[in-house]
Amino acid sequence: MKKTALFSFASAAALLTTSCAMATNLDKHDPDDPYESFNRAMFEFNMQLDKYILKPVAEGYRSITTPAVRERVRNAFNNIKEPISAVNQVLQGEFQRSGTSVGRFVINSTLGLAGTFDVASAWGLEHHPDGFEETLAKWCVPSGPYLVLPFIGSTTPRAFTGEIADSFTNPVYWLSEDHEDGYYAYAGYVAVKTIINREAYLDLSDDLQRNSVDFYTTMKSAYMQNKSKLNSCSGESQASYDFDFEIDEEVDDMEI
């Protein structure tokens, strides 16, 4: 239960920090980005974190691995999240798709050598990733305003809620929950997942930063445009940029 308490505390702390910033900045900014002062401060903090820690580690990971090895690792992490997709597809009423996700997990976990090979796709079982944010969008829950949180990066209230909910349905969480060192196992999983994702968009991130007059605005617009694809029933407006950060839909984005 230690991890449950930790997740709850971290979520509450992040939301409390955000709420304080919201209370002081709400009426001072563009309604499309009402918490811009807070967001920019957190964006700069995350940029420094990325510059001195995440990016160097991701570059090191790329330098000591081959594209084939990185693909195998990404496949394994994708496979871990198939049960998350299955649960959310049931909540969305997509029962056939949920069955496909379960089938993919069983096949790839066994014949695919712990998911490192995507055998299920070759057998016609297509990959359909879903998370709790997608479920909330299907339920017509609006995304809410753009936020940048420390360590987490670009998000929205709906996206942040989805990430927290998905963490509790992750197989790694449940496998390590009852073990004394379970916290460290799950923390290691999150750390490796973050590095894998950061490596995946090293080139894109560098290119965007070089060609952006205001990198914060570019990232915000790109993120919100990507999220707007989920707003099928909310009628929310589209953002002005159209960059796709879904480098791998099942590897979580750790936006700067």
Protein backbone atom coordinates (compact mmCIF):
# COMPACT_ATOMS: atom_id res chain seq x y z
CA MET A 1 0.00 0.00 0.00
CA LYS A 2 3.04 2.28 0.19
CA LYS A 3 2.89 2.97 -3.52
CA THR A 4 -0.81 3.71 -3.36
CA ALA A 5 -0.19 6.30 -0.67
CA LEU A 6 2.73 7.73 -2.62
CA PHE A 7 0.69 8.09 -5.81
CA SER A 8 -2.14 9.71 -3.91
CA PHE A 9 0.22 12.13 -2.17
CA ALA A 10 2.03 13.03 -5.39
CA SER A 11 -1.25 13.62 -7.20
CA ALA A 12 -2.62 15.76 -4.41
CA ALA A 13 0.61 17.76 -4.18
CA ALA A 14 0.70 18.43 -7.90
CA LEU A 15 -2.93 19.46 -7.99
CA LEU A 16 -2.51 21.66 -4.90
CA THR A 17 0.50 23.40 -6.43
CA THR A 18 -1.41 23.94 -9.64
CA SER A 19 -4.49 25.19 -7.80
CA CYS A 20 -2.44 27.81 -5.93
CA ALA A 21 -0.99 29.08 -9.18
CA MET A 22 -4.42 29.10 -10.78
CA ALA A 23 -5.91 31.14 -7.95
CA THR A 24 -3.34 33.91 -8.36
CA ASN A 25 -3.10 33.98 -12.16
CA LEU A 26 -6.56 33.16 -13.45
CA ASP A 27 -7.62 36.63 -14.54
CA LYS A 28 -4.29 37.84 -15.90
CA HIS A 29 -3.83 35.83 -19.06
CA ASP A 30 -5.31 34.73 -22.35
CA PRO A 31 -8.32 32.46 -21.69
CA ASP A 32 -6.74 29.83 -23.94
CA ASP A 33 -3.81 29.62 -21.50
CA PRO A 34 -5.09 31.11 -18.23
CA TYR A 35 -2.14 29.88 -16.14
CA GLU A 36 0.64 30.97 -18.45
CA SER A 37 2.91 32.46 -15.78
CA PHE A 38 2.89 29.22 -13.78
CA ASN A 39 3.17 27.12 -16.94
CA ARG A 40 6.17 29.02 -18.25
CA ALA A 41 7.97 28.71 -14.92
CA MET A 42 7.38 24.96 -14.84
CA PHE A 43 8.32 24.68 -18.51
CA GLU A 44 11.68 26.32 -17.81
CA PHE A 45 12.24 24.02 -14.82
CA ASN A 46 11.50 20.96 -16.96
CA MET A 47 13.74 22.28 -19.72
CA GLN A 48 16.66 22.43 -17.30
CA LEU A 49 15.83 18.94 -16.03
CA ASP A 50 15.81 17.72 -19.60
CA LYS A 51 19.03 19.52 -20.53
CA TYR A 52 21.12 18.15 -17.68
CA ILE A 53 19.52 14.75 -17.03
CA LEU A 54 16.92 13.34 -19.41
CA LYS A 55 18.44 14.28 -22.75
CA PRO A 56 22.02 13.16 -21.91
CA VAL A 57 20.74 9.82 -20.60
CA ALA A 58 18.52 9.35 -23.68
CA GLU A 59 21.46 10.15 -25.96
CA GLY A 60 23.59 7.66 -24.04
CA TYR A 61 20.89 5.02 -24.43
CA ARG A 62 20.78 5.67 -28.18
CA SER A 63 24.58 5.48 -28.48
CA ILE A 64 24.87 2.04 -26.86
CA THR A 65 21.89 0.40 -28.60
CA THR A 66 20.90 -0.37 -32.16
CA PRO A 67 17.54 0.53 -33.75
CA ALA A 68 16.59 -3.15 -33.62
CA VAL A 69 17.27 -3.36 -29.89
CA ARG A 70 15.31 -0.18 -29.22
CA GLU A 71 12.38 -1.55 -31.21
CA ARG A 72 12.37 -4.73 -29.12
CA VAL A 73 12.38 -2.68 -25.92
CA ARG A 74 9.54 -0.43 -27.16
CA ASN A 75 7.52 -3.52 -28.10
CA ALA A 76 7.93 -4.92 -24.60
CA PHE A 77 6.74 -1.71 -22.99
CA ASN A 78 3.83 -1.52 -25.42
CA ASN A 79 2.83 -5.03 -24.45
CA ILE A 80 2.83 -4.20 -20.75
CA LYS A 81 0.10 -1.64 -21.36
CA GLU A 82 -2.25 -3.91 -23.31
CA PRO A 83 -4.25 -4.74 -20.13
CA ILE A 84 -4.70 -1.00 -19.53
CA SER A 85 -6.15 -0.70 -23.02
CA ALA A 86 -8.41 -3.70 -22.44
CA VAL A 87 -9.87 -2.25 -19.23
CA ASN A 88 -10.56 1.13 -20.82
CA GLN A 89 -12.06 -0.43 -23.93
CA VAL A 90 -14.56 -2.22 -21.70
CA LEU A 91 -15.41 1.11 -20.06
CA GLN A 92 -15.92 2.55 -23.54
CA GLY A 93 -18.18 -0.30 -24.59
CA GLU A 94 -15.62 -1.56 -27.12
CA PHE A 95 -15.84 -5.21 -26.07
CA GLN A 96 -14.48 -6.74 -29.27
CA ARG A 97 -11.51 -4.37 -29.21
CA SER A 98 -10.95 -5.21 -25.54
CA GLY A 99 -10.83 -8.89 -26.41
CA THR A 100 -8.26 -8.13 -29.09
CA SER A 101 -6.08 -6.31 -26.56
CA VAL A 102 -6.27 -9.26 -24.16
CA GLY A 103 -5.40 -11.63 -26.99
CA ARG A 104 -2.46 -9.47 -28.01
CA PHE A 105 -1.16 -9.47 -24.45
CA VAL A 106 -1.37 -13.24 -24.10
CA ILE A 107 0.18 -13.98 -27.50
CA ASN A 108 2.96 -11.41 -27.33
CA SER A 109 3.80 -12.22 -23.71
CA THR A 110 4.34 -15.87 -24.64
CA LEU A 111 5.15 -16.41 -28.29
CA GLY A 112 6.49 -12.88 -28.58
CA LEU A 113 9.05 -13.43 -25.82
CA ALA A 114 7.68 -11.07 -23.17
CA GLY A 115 6.35 -8.74 -25.83
CA THR A 116 9.67 -8.01 -27.51
CA PHE A 117 8.19 -9.29 -30.78
CA ASP A 118 4.74 -8.24 -32.00
CA VAL A 119 3.52 -11.66 -33.11
CA ALA A 120 -0.14 -10.71 -32.63
CA SER A 121 -0.07 -8.05 -35.36
CA ALA A 122 1.19 -10.62 -37.84
CA TRP A 123 -1.81 -12.74 -36.89
CA GLY A 124 -4.22 -9.92 -37.66
CA LEU A 125 -4.77 -8.65 -34.12
CA GLU A 126 -4.32 -4.91 -34.58
CA HIS A 127 -2.86 -2.66 -31.93
CA HIS A 128 -5.46 -0.23 -30.49
CA PRO A 129 -3.99 1.61 -27.47
CA ASP A 130 -6.43 3.25 -25.11
CA GLY A 131 -6.10 4.89 -21.72
CA PHE A 132 -8.40 6.44 -19.18
CA GLU A 133 -8.06 9.84 -20.84
CA GLU A 134 -9.56 8.34 -24.00
CA THR A 135 -12.31 6.89 -21.85
CA LEU A 136 -13.05 10.30 -20.30
CA ALA A 137 -13.10 11.85 -23.77
CA LYS A 138 -15.61 9.22 -24.91
CA TRP A 139 -17.70 10.19 -21.90
CA CYS A 140 -17.57 13.80 -23.15
CA VAL A 141 -15.38 15.05 -20.31
CA PRO A 142 -13.58 18.19 -21.60
CA SER A 143 -9.80 18.29 -21.48
CA GLY A 144 -9.62 21.51 -19.46
CA PRO A 145 -6.88 24.14 -19.75
CA TYR A 146 -3.28 23.53 -20.72
CA LEU A 147 -0.97 22.89 -17.77
CA VAL A 148 2.74 22.28 -17.33
CA LEU A 149 3.58 20.38 -14.15
CA PRO A 150 7.05 19.79 -12.69
CA PHE A 151 8.60 16.49 -13.86
CA ILE A 152 5.38 15.58 -15.69
CA GLY A 153 5.44 18.28 -18.36
CA SER A 154 2.59 19.21 -20.68
CA THR A 155 -0.79 17.98 -19.57
CA THR A 156 -4.42 18.91 -18.92
CA PRO A 157 -6.66 18.05 -15.97
CA ARG A 158 -8.20 15.25 -18.02
CA ALA A 159 -4.84 13.91 -19.19
CA PHE A 160 -3.37 14.05 -15.69
CA THR A 161 -6.35 12.21 -14.25
CA GLY A 162 -6.01 9.61 -16.98
CA GLU A 163 -2.33 9.05 -16.21
CA ILE A 164 -3.03 8.54 -12.50
CA ALA A 165 -5.88 6.11 -13.19
CA ASP A 166 -3.82 4.15 -15.72
CA SER A 167 -0.95 3.77 -13.26
CA PHE A 168 -3.22 1.77 -10.98
CA THR A 169 -4.20 -0.66 -13.77
CA ASN A 170 -0.63 -1.19 -14.97
CA PRO A 171 0.46 -4.86 -14.61
CA VAL A 172 3.86 -3.77 -13.27
CA TYR A 173 2.12 -1.92 -10.45
CA TRP A 174 0.10 -4.97 -9.45
CA LEU A 175 3.00 -7.41 -9.76
CA SER A 176 5.17 -5.29 -7.49
CA GLU A 177 2.45 -4.09 -5.09
CA ASP A 178 2.83 -6.90 -2.55
CA HIS A 179 6.63 -7.02 -2.60
CA GLU A 180 8.82 -5.19 -0.12
CA ASP A 181 10.84 -3.56 -2.90
CA GLY A 182 7.81 -3.02 -5.12
CA TYR A 183 8.18 0.76 -5.04
CA TYR A 184 11.69 0.54 -6.46
CA ALA A 185 10.57 -1.89 -9.17
CA TYR A 186 7.78 0.41 -10.30
CA ALA A 187 9.99 3.50 -10.08
CA GLY A 188 12.55 1.72 -12.24
CA TYR A 189 9.87 0.90 -14.78
CA VAL A 190 8.77 4.54 -14.94
CA ALA A 191 12.37 5.74 -15.28
CA VAL A 192 13.18 3.35 -18.12
CA LYS A 193 9.91 4.18 -19.87
CA THR A 194 10.72 7.88 -19.66
CA ILE A 195 14.17 7.41 -21.19
CA ILE A 196 12.78 5.23 -23.98
CA ASN A 197 10.23 7.86 -24.85
CA ARG A 198 12.73 10.72 -24.64
CA GLU A 199 15.07 8.92 -27.03
CA ALA A 200 12.22 8.38 -29.47
CA TYR A 201 11.73 12.08 -30.08
CA LEU A 202 15.28 13.43 -29.63
CA ASP A 203 15.49 14.57 -33.24
CA LEU A 204 11.97 16.02 -33.38
CA SER A 205 12.44 17.97 -30.16
CA ASP A 206 15.77 19.41 -31.31
CA ASP A 207 14.29 20.42 -34.65
CA LEU A 208 11.29 22.12 -33.06
CA GLN A 209 13.48 24.00 -30.61
CA ARG A 210 15.83 25.23 -33.34
CA ASN A 211 12.96 26.47 -35.49
CA SER A 212 10.72 27.97 -32.81
CA VAL A 213 10.60 31.65 -31.99
CA ASP A 214 8.89 30.74 -28.71
CA PHE A 215 9.44 27.08 -27.86
CA TYR A 216 6.86 27.19 -25.06
CA THR A 217 4.12 28.34 -27.45
CA THR A 218 5.10 25.78 -30.06
CA MET A 219 5.00 22.93 -27.58
CA LYS A 220 1.73 24.10 -26.08
CA SER A 221 0.03 24.42 -29.47
CA ALA A 222 1.36 21.08 -30.68
CA TYR A 223 0.30 19.30 -27.50
CA MET A 224 -3.21 20.75 -27.51
CA GLN A 225 -3.64 20.01 -31.21
CA ASN A 226 -2.71 16.41 -30.54
CA LYS A 227 -5.14 16.21 -27.63
CA SER A 228 -7.92 17.80 -29.65
CA LYS A 229 -8.15 14.56 -31.65
CA LEU A 230 -9.84 13.06 -28.58
CA ASN A 231 -12.51 15.76 -28.33
CA SER A 232 -15.03 13.96 -30.49
CA CYS A 233 -18.09 15.06 -28.53
CA SER A 234 -17.00 18.12 -26.56
CA GLY A 235 -16.90 20.65 -29.38
CA GLU A 236 -13.58 22.03 -28.15
CA SER A 237 -11.66 24.26 -30.50
CA GLN A 238 -8.66 23.06 -32.50
CA ALA A 239 -5.21 24.45 -31.84
CA SER A 240 -3.26 26.30 -34.49
CA TYR A 241 -0.40 23.81 -34.91
CA ASP A 242 -0.58 20.26 -36.15
CA PHE A 243 2.43 18.34 -34.90
CA ASP A 244 1.98 14.70 -33.98
CA PHE A 245 3.88 13.67 -30.85
CA GLU A 246 2.45 10.14 -30.90
CA ILE A 247 5.78 8.66 -31.89
CA ASP A 248 4.60 5.48 -30.31
CA GLU A 249 1.07 5.61 -29.05
CA GLU A 250 1.74 3.19 -26.21
CA VAL A 251 4.90 4.82 -24.91
CA ASP A 252 3.75 7.68 -22.71
CA ASP A 253 4.80 11.19 -23.69
CA MET A 254 7.01 12.89 -21.23
CA GLU A 255 6.50 16.36 -22.66
CA ILE A 256 9.03 19.03 -21.80
